[in-house]
Amino acid sequence: MHATLARRGARSGFTLVELLVVIAIIGVLIALLLPAVQQAREAARRGQCLNNMKQLALAMHNFHDTNNTFPKNAYGPNAGVTWDGWHLFSANYKLLPFIEQNSLYDQFNLSGTWNDNRTGPMNVRLQAFLCPSALEAPSSSTIDWGGPGSNYAWSSGSTPNTAHACTRNGCNGMLTTKDETKMAEVTDGLSNTIFCSEILSGDGVANSPKYPYDILYTGDDSPYNSIANKDFPTQAEIDGIGSSVNSSPSGERSNNGTLWAWYSHGQSIFNTATPPNWKYPSSGGNCCPGGAHDWGKGFIGARSLHPGGVNVAMGDGSVRFVPETVNLLTWQRMGNARDGQVYELP
């Protein structure tokens, strides 16, 4: 009897093999659980991103209610003050009072120097302009013209024209650089026209281009000038330019997506010439859409780190997720506010 009890007592613990089996099972369960946790976290981040865009679109509508127009995307200095031609504030500067940032708005000084504004109010980090899924932008201590981050951009439409060419005739989107736009001028309908989408910040490392973050350059605008219909570049045309600039760029910029209050493409404005999360890098012709001056043409498209697509806000303030597999012409027509063709996602 005592021997039997002793044998039972000796079997009360785990053997090494049993312990290893339990550890293996726990490891498998963790491996199965982690993707679900990551998906849940990304779903929460995507939801926060959509909410950020919703608030920005509503701020635009409140601005329109007050001023009877949407803002343009370039505001320069007061009379008698000289800044370089690319030293301009974006529409986001005008939105500050409508996102409860009145005191920051008052710190911008159109009678002061550009650098005082750039190192002062422009360098303030605002969650309203940051996607929680995006990587942190390179700061001004990391790269010239770095900043606090800018992951949301207003749509200039489907042409490859960038900021200084973005008059109402040069760009067909809801916002242009040179002209203010009224709701009534969005003739395709606010609910059918893209207002805002996402952009990524550059990696902040000069002379080391990294897809999908940085912007590459062809060195001249001729590839973009050769596009037959600037309002609707074809898949073959954009892929030809994309492949060429990807294989032999003349240069690159890594400070895009850094300054929400700067007017240029890749900072506060984008175009729908290329599909979301395009397989080729964002690109420009003459220096330098996206990261510096904005004289040339370029494909400065919507990009995000959300798996499978980008978030967008439409002109009526509604928000949605658009898959990166969207038909190119559908995407371009959604960016074009006045082409007379209403295209909606299925």
Protein backbone atom coordinates (compact mmCIF):
# COMPACT_ATOMS: atom_id res chain seq x y z
CA MET A 1 0.00 0.00 0.00
CA HIS A 2 2.74 2.44 0.94
CA ALA A 3 4.70 1.53 -2.19
CA THR A 4 1.66 2.28 -4.36
CA LEU A 5 1.21 5.70 -2.74
CA ALA A 6 4.87 6.46 -3.21
CA ARG A 7 4.68 5.59 -6.89
CA ARG A 8 1.62 7.86 -7.28
CA GLY A 9 3.45 10.69 -5.53
CA ALA A 10 6.38 10.31 -7.87
CA ARG A 11 4.06 10.83 -10.89
CA SER A 12 2.60 14.14 -9.61
CA GLY A 13 4.98 16.38 -11.66
CA PHE A 14 5.55 16.99 -15.43
CA THR A 15 8.17 15.13 -17.35
CA LEU A 16 10.51 17.13 -19.57
CA VAL A 17 8.73 15.87 -22.68
CA GLU A 18 5.35 16.92 -21.33
CA LEU A 19 6.70 20.38 -20.45
CA LEU A 20 8.11 20.81 -23.95
CA VAL A 21 4.76 19.79 -25.46
CA VAL A 22 2.93 22.37 -23.35
CA ILE A 23 5.42 25.08 -24.33
CA ALA A 24 5.03 24.14 -27.99
CA ILE A 25 1.24 24.34 -27.74
CA ILE A 26 1.46 27.75 -26.09
CA GLY A 27 3.82 28.90 -28.85
CA VAL A 28 1.40 27.76 -31.53
CA LEU A 29 -1.50 29.52 -29.80
CA ILE A 30 0.52 32.76 -29.57
CA ALA A 31 1.50 32.47 -33.23
CA LEU A 32 -2.16 32.08 -34.16
CA LEU A 33 -3.25 34.93 -31.90
CA LEU A 34 -0.67 37.56 -32.92
CA PRO A 35 -2.00 38.16 -36.46
CA ALA A 36 -5.50 38.64 -35.03
CA VAL A 37 -4.16 41.14 -32.48
CA GLN A 38 -2.22 42.97 -35.19
CA GLN A 39 -5.28 43.08 -37.42
CA ALA A 40 -7.38 44.45 -34.58
CA ARG A 41 -4.79 47.14 -33.88
CA GLU A 42 -4.60 48.11 -37.55
CA ALA A 43 -8.39 48.23 -37.75
CA ALA A 44 -8.37 50.65 -34.82
CA ARG A 45 -5.64 52.76 -36.43
CA ARG A 46 -7.51 52.83 -39.73
CA GLY A 47 -10.64 53.91 -37.91
CA GLN A 48 -8.75 56.74 -36.20
CA CYS A 49 -7.31 57.76 -39.57
CA LEU A 50 -10.79 57.90 -41.09
CA ASN A 51 -11.95 60.02 -38.16
CA ASN A 52 -9.03 62.44 -38.65
CA MET A 53 -9.96 62.86 -42.30
CA LYS A 54 -13.63 63.30 -41.43
CA GLN A 55 -12.73 66.15 -39.08
CA LEU A 56 -10.55 67.84 -41.71
CA ALA A 57 -13.30 67.58 -44.33
CA LEU A 58 -15.84 69.04 -41.89
CA ALA A 59 -13.39 71.85 -41.12
CA MET A 60 -13.25 72.59 -44.85
CA HIS A 61 -17.05 72.76 -44.94
CA ASN A 62 -17.11 75.09 -41.95
CA PHE A 63 -14.55 77.29 -43.71
CA HIS A 64 -16.81 77.34 -46.78
CA ASP A 65 -19.82 78.25 -44.64
CA THR A 66 -17.87 81.20 -43.26
CA ASN A 67 -16.13 82.35 -46.46
CA ASN A 68 -18.42 81.05 -49.22
CA THR A 69 -15.46 79.21 -50.76
CA PHE A 70 -12.89 76.55 -49.99
CA PRO A 71 -9.36 77.88 -49.43
CA LYS A 72 -6.71 77.71 -52.11
CA ASN A 73 -3.49 75.89 -51.29
CA ALA A 74 -1.03 78.80 -51.35
CA TYR A 75 -0.92 81.90 -49.18
CA GLY A 76 2.00 84.29 -49.42
CA PRO A 77 3.42 87.22 -47.50
CA ASN A 78 1.89 90.64 -47.00
CA ALA A 79 2.69 93.49 -49.37
CA GLY A 80 6.25 94.70 -49.08
CA VAL A 81 7.54 91.42 -47.64
CA THR A 82 9.64 89.22 -49.92
CA TRP A 83 9.78 85.43 -49.72
CA ASP A 84 11.01 83.00 -52.35
CA GLY A 85 8.32 81.70 -54.70
CA TRP A 86 8.06 78.32 -52.98
CA HIS A 87 7.70 79.82 -49.50
CA LEU A 88 3.93 79.61 -49.23
CA PHE A 89 1.44 78.35 -46.68
CA SER A 90 -1.04 75.59 -47.48
CA ALA A 91 -4.81 75.46 -47.07
CA ASN A 92 -4.18 73.74 -43.72
CA TYR A 93 -2.95 77.05 -42.34
CA LYS A 94 -6.36 78.54 -43.08
CA LEU A 95 -8.11 75.57 -41.45
CA LEU A 96 -6.47 76.02 -38.05
CA PRO A 97 -9.29 78.12 -36.52
CA PHE A 98 -11.75 75.43 -37.62
CA ILE A 99 -9.89 72.59 -35.83
CA GLU A 100 -9.61 74.47 -32.51
CA GLN A 101 -6.12 75.82 -33.21
CA ASN A 102 -6.83 79.55 -33.10
CA SER A 103 -3.78 80.38 -31.01
CA LEU A 104 -1.48 78.54 -33.42
CA TYR A 105 -3.10 80.33 -36.37
CA ASP A 106 -2.31 83.66 -34.72
CA GLN A 107 1.38 82.72 -34.49
CA PHE A 108 1.76 82.64 -38.29
CA ASN A 109 3.21 85.95 -39.43
CA LEU A 110 2.72 87.02 -43.04
CA SER A 111 4.78 90.11 -42.30
CA GLY A 112 7.70 88.17 -40.82
CA THR A 113 10.39 86.02 -42.34
CA TRP A 114 9.73 82.61 -43.80
CA ASN A 115 12.26 80.92 -41.52
CA ASP A 116 10.61 82.38 -38.42
CA ASN A 117 7.36 80.73 -39.54
CA ARG A 118 9.05 77.48 -40.54
CA THR A 119 10.91 77.04 -37.26
CA GLY A 120 7.95 78.35 -35.27
CA PRO A 121 4.28 77.54 -35.94
CA MET A 122 4.94 75.34 -38.98
CA ASN A 123 7.05 73.07 -36.81
CA VAL A 124 4.26 72.27 -34.34
CA ARG A 125 3.16 68.64 -34.37
CA LEU A 126 -0.60 68.26 -34.75
CA GLN A 127 -2.33 64.90 -34.44
CA ALA A 128 -5.02 66.18 -36.82
CA PHE A 129 -2.53 65.79 -39.70
CA LEU A 130 -1.00 62.45 -38.66
CA CYS A 131 -2.13 58.94 -39.58
CA PRO A 132 -1.49 56.51 -36.69
CA SER A 133 -0.39 53.79 -39.14
CA ALA A 134 2.24 55.95 -40.85
CA LEU A 135 5.89 56.15 -39.83
CA GLU A 136 7.14 59.23 -38.04
CA ALA A 137 8.32 62.02 -40.32
CA PRO A 138 11.98 63.07 -40.36
CA SER A 139 12.42 66.16 -38.21
CA SER A 140 14.22 69.38 -39.08
CA SER A 141 17.18 68.12 -37.06
CA THR A 142 17.39 65.06 -39.35
CA ILE A 143 17.08 66.61 -42.82
CA ASP A 144 16.69 70.05 -44.37
CA TRP A 145 13.03 71.00 -44.51
CA GLY A 146 12.08 68.21 -42.16
CA GLY A 147 9.16 68.75 -39.86
CA PRO A 148 6.48 67.41 -37.53
CA GLY A 149 4.70 65.28 -40.12
CA SER A 150 1.92 65.54 -42.71
CA ASN A 151 -0.02 62.43 -43.76
CA TYR A 152 -3.16 64.01 -45.24
CA ALA A 153 -3.30 65.88 -48.52
CA TRP A 154 -5.97 67.65 -50.56
CA SER A 155 -6.71 66.49 -54.08
CA SER A 156 -5.57 68.66 -56.99
CA GLY A 157 -7.18 66.21 -59.43
CA SER A 158 -5.93 63.85 -62.09
CA THR A 159 -3.36 65.92 -64.01
CA PRO A 160 0.40 65.69 -63.35
CA ASN A 161 0.61 69.47 -62.91
CA THR A 162 1.97 70.48 -59.53
CA ALA A 163 1.55 73.49 -57.34
CA HIS A 164 2.69 76.47 -59.43
CA ALA A 165 0.81 75.13 -62.46
CA CYS A 166 -2.30 74.37 -60.41
CA THR A 167 -4.66 77.05 -61.59
CA ARG A 168 -8.26 76.05 -62.21
CA ASN A 169 -7.33 75.37 -65.83
CA GLY A 170 -4.16 73.48 -64.92
CA CYS A 171 -5.64 71.22 -62.23
CA ASN A 172 -9.10 69.72 -62.13
CA GLY A 173 -9.47 68.71 -58.47
CA MET A 174 -11.39 70.20 -55.58
CA LEU A 175 -8.41 72.30 -54.47
CA THR A 176 -5.92 74.19 -56.58
CA THR A 177 -2.96 76.30 -55.60
CA LYS A 178 -3.84 79.55 -57.31
CA ASP A 179 -7.66 79.67 -57.14
CA GLU A 180 -10.29 79.27 -54.47
CA THR A 181 -13.11 76.83 -55.27
CA LYS A 182 -16.80 77.06 -54.44
CA MET A 183 -18.99 74.03 -53.85
CA ALA A 184 -21.05 74.91 -56.93
CA GLU A 185 -17.91 74.59 -59.08
CA VAL A 186 -17.59 70.89 -58.20
CA THR A 187 -19.99 70.04 -61.00
CA ASP A 188 -19.55 66.25 -60.75
CA GLY A 189 -21.05 66.39 -57.27
CA LEU A 190 -19.38 66.54 -53.86
CA SER A 191 -20.23 62.94 -53.00
CA ASN A 192 -18.53 61.72 -56.20
CA THR A 193 -15.30 63.72 -55.92
CA ILE A 194 -12.23 63.01 -53.81
CA PHE A 195 -11.44 65.78 -51.36
CA CYS A 196 -8.58 64.37 -49.32
CA SER A 197 -6.46 61.23 -49.05
CA GLU A 198 -3.23 60.00 -47.50
CA ILE A 199 0.47 60.52 -48.18
CA LEU A 200 3.60 59.10 -46.57
CA SER A 201 6.60 60.92 -45.20
CA GLY A 202 10.04 60.48 -46.74
CA ASP A 203 12.60 58.43 -44.85
CA GLY A 204 14.83 61.43 -44.19
CA VAL A 205 17.97 59.81 -45.64
CA ALA A 206 19.42 61.83 -48.51
CA ASN A 207 20.74 60.04 -51.62
CA SER A 208 19.27 56.73 -50.53
CA PRO A 209 15.83 56.39 -52.16
CA LYS A 210 13.43 54.07 -50.42
CA TYR A 211 10.11 52.89 -51.82
CA PRO A 212 7.34 53.80 -51.07
CA TYR A 213 8.47 56.75 -48.99
CA ASP A 214 10.76 58.93 -51.08
CA ILE A 215 10.21 60.83 -54.34
CA LEU A 216 12.44 60.32 -57.38
CA TYR A 217 13.10 62.72 -60.28
CA THR A 218 13.57 62.45 -64.02
CA GLY A 219 15.46 65.74 -64.30
CA ASP A 220 13.03 67.31 -66.80
CA ASP A 221 9.32 67.50 -67.53
CA SER A 222 9.43 66.02 -71.03
CA PRO A 223 8.08 62.57 -70.04
CA TYR A 224 5.06 64.23 -68.44
CA ASN A 225 4.64 66.70 -71.30
CA SER A 226 4.41 63.76 -73.71
CA ILE A 227 1.23 62.44 -72.03
CA ALA A 228 -1.49 62.69 -74.68
CA ASN A 229 -4.41 63.57 -72.39
CA LYS A 230 -3.09 65.27 -69.26
CA ASP A 231 -6.45 64.85 -67.49
CA PHE A 232 -6.34 61.07 -67.88
CA PRO A 233 -2.86 59.56 -68.27
CA THR A 234 -3.12 55.96 -69.41
CA GLN A 235 -1.76 52.96 -67.56
CA ALA A 236 0.91 52.51 -70.22
CA GLU A 237 1.98 56.17 -69.94
CA ILE A 238 2.28 56.22 -66.17
CA ASP A 239 4.00 52.84 -66.01
CA GLY A 240 6.48 53.89 -68.70
CA ILE A 241 7.46 56.97 -66.71
CA GLY A 242 7.44 55.06 -63.44
CA SER A 243 9.70 52.30 -64.75
CA SER A 244 12.12 54.77 -66.30
CA VAL A 245 12.52 56.98 -63.26
CA ASN A 246 12.74 53.96 -60.96
CA SER A 247 15.65 52.46 -62.93
CA SER A 248 17.64 55.65 -63.55
CA PRO A 249 16.55 58.62 -61.43
CA SER A 250 18.40 61.90 -61.66
CA GLY A 251 17.88 62.49 -57.94
CA GLU A 252 15.54 62.04 -55.00
CA ARG A 253 14.02 63.89 -52.07
CA SER A 254 13.30 62.46 -48.64
CA ASN A 255 11.65 65.41 -46.89
CA ASN A 256 8.16 65.00 -48.32
CA GLY A 257 5.28 64.56 -45.87
CA THR A 258 6.95 66.66 -43.20
CA LEU A 259 5.28 70.10 -43.15
CA TRP A 260 1.47 70.26 -43.06
CA ALA A 261 1.53 74.04 -43.53
CA TRP A 262 3.68 74.00 -46.69
CA TYR A 263 1.87 74.40 -49.99
CA SER A 264 3.70 71.89 -52.20
CA HIS A 265 2.60 68.55 -53.59
CA GLY A 266 3.71 65.77 -51.27
CA GLN A 267 3.30 68.07 -48.26
CA SER A 268 -0.35 69.14 -48.28
CA ILE A 269 -1.67 68.26 -51.74
CA PHE A 270 -1.57 65.22 -54.06
CA ASN A 271 -2.89 64.13 -57.45
CA THR A 272 -4.87 61.13 -58.69
CA ALA A 273 -2.90 60.59 -61.90
CA THR A 274 -1.62 57.27 -60.50
CA PRO A 275 -3.51 54.65 -58.49
CA PRO A 276 -3.30 54.41 -54.69
CA ASN A 277 -0.07 52.81 -53.44
CA TRP A 278 1.26 52.78 -56.99
CA LYS A 279 3.84 50.06 -57.66
CA TYR A 280 6.41 52.63 -58.79
CA PRO A 281 7.83 55.45 -56.64
CA SER A 282 6.19 58.85 -56.60
CA SER A 283 8.11 60.96 -59.09
CA GLY A 284 8.65 64.45 -60.45
CA GLY A 285 10.25 66.11 -63.44
CA ASN A 286 12.00 69.45 -62.97
CA CYS A 287 12.92 70.20 -59.39
CA CYS A 288 11.05 69.35 -57.34
CA PRO A 289 7.45 68.39 -56.67
CA GLY A 290 7.01 66.67 -53.35
CA GLY A 291 9.95 67.70 -51.28
CA ALA A 292 11.21 71.13 -52.22
CA HIS A 293 10.20 73.75 -54.79
CA ASP A 294 7.14 72.93 -56.83
CA TRP A 295 7.85 74.11 -60.35
CA GLY A 296 7.62 70.91 -62.36
CA LYS A 297 5.18 68.15 -63.12
CA GLY A 298 4.92 64.88 -61.27
CA PHE A 299 3.03 61.87 -60.08
CA ILE A 300 2.53 62.64 -56.40
CA GLY A 301 -0.13 60.10 -55.52
CA ALA A 302 -2.02 58.75 -52.53
CA ARG A 303 -0.10 56.32 -50.34
CA SER A 304 -0.63 54.71 -46.94
CA LEU A 305 0.61 51.82 -44.83
CA HIS A 306 -2.91 50.47 -44.41
CA PRO A 307 -2.90 47.01 -46.00
CA GLY A 308 -4.53 47.02 -49.42
CA GLY A 309 -5.42 50.66 -50.03
CA VAL A 310 -5.91 54.19 -48.71
CA ASN A 311 -8.53 56.15 -46.84
CA VAL A 312 -10.24 59.03 -48.63
CA ALA A 313 -12.63 61.82 -47.71
CA MET A 314 -15.12 62.79 -50.37
CA GLY A 315 -16.29 66.31 -51.10
CA ASP A 316 -19.46 65.90 -49.04
CA GLY A 317 -17.44 64.95 -45.96
CA SER A 318 -18.08 61.21 -46.15
CA VAL A 319 -15.08 58.90 -45.68
CA ARG A 320 -14.25 55.49 -47.08
CA PHE A 321 -11.47 53.02 -47.77
CA VAL A 322 -10.42 52.68 -51.43
CA PRO A 323 -8.59 49.50 -52.46
CA GLU A 324 -5.33 49.90 -54.36
CA THR A 325 -6.81 47.63 -57.04
CA VAL A 326 -9.29 50.35 -58.03
CA ASN A 327 -9.55 50.87 -61.80
CA LEU A 328 -7.16 53.67 -62.83
CA LEU A 329 -9.71 55.60 -64.88
CA THR A 330 -12.28 55.33 -62.07
CA TRP A 331 -9.75 56.75 -59.62
CA GLN A 332 -8.81 59.56 -61.99
CA ARG A 333 -12.45 60.48 -62.61
CA MET A 334 -13.08 60.50 -58.86
CA GLY A 335 -10.26 63.03 -58.53
CA ASN A 336 -11.55 65.17 -61.41
CA ALA A 337 -14.23 67.52 -60.10
CA ARG A 338 -15.49 68.79 -63.44
CA ASP A 339 -15.17 66.17 -66.19
CA GLY A 340 -18.92 65.49 -66.46
CA GLN A 341 -18.48 61.78 -65.71
CA VAL A 342 -19.68 60.44 -62.38
CA TYR A 343 -17.78 57.32 -61.34
CA GLU A 344 -18.46 55.63 -58.04
CA LEU A 345 -16.81 52.65 -56.42
CA PRO A 346 -18.82 49.40 -56.54
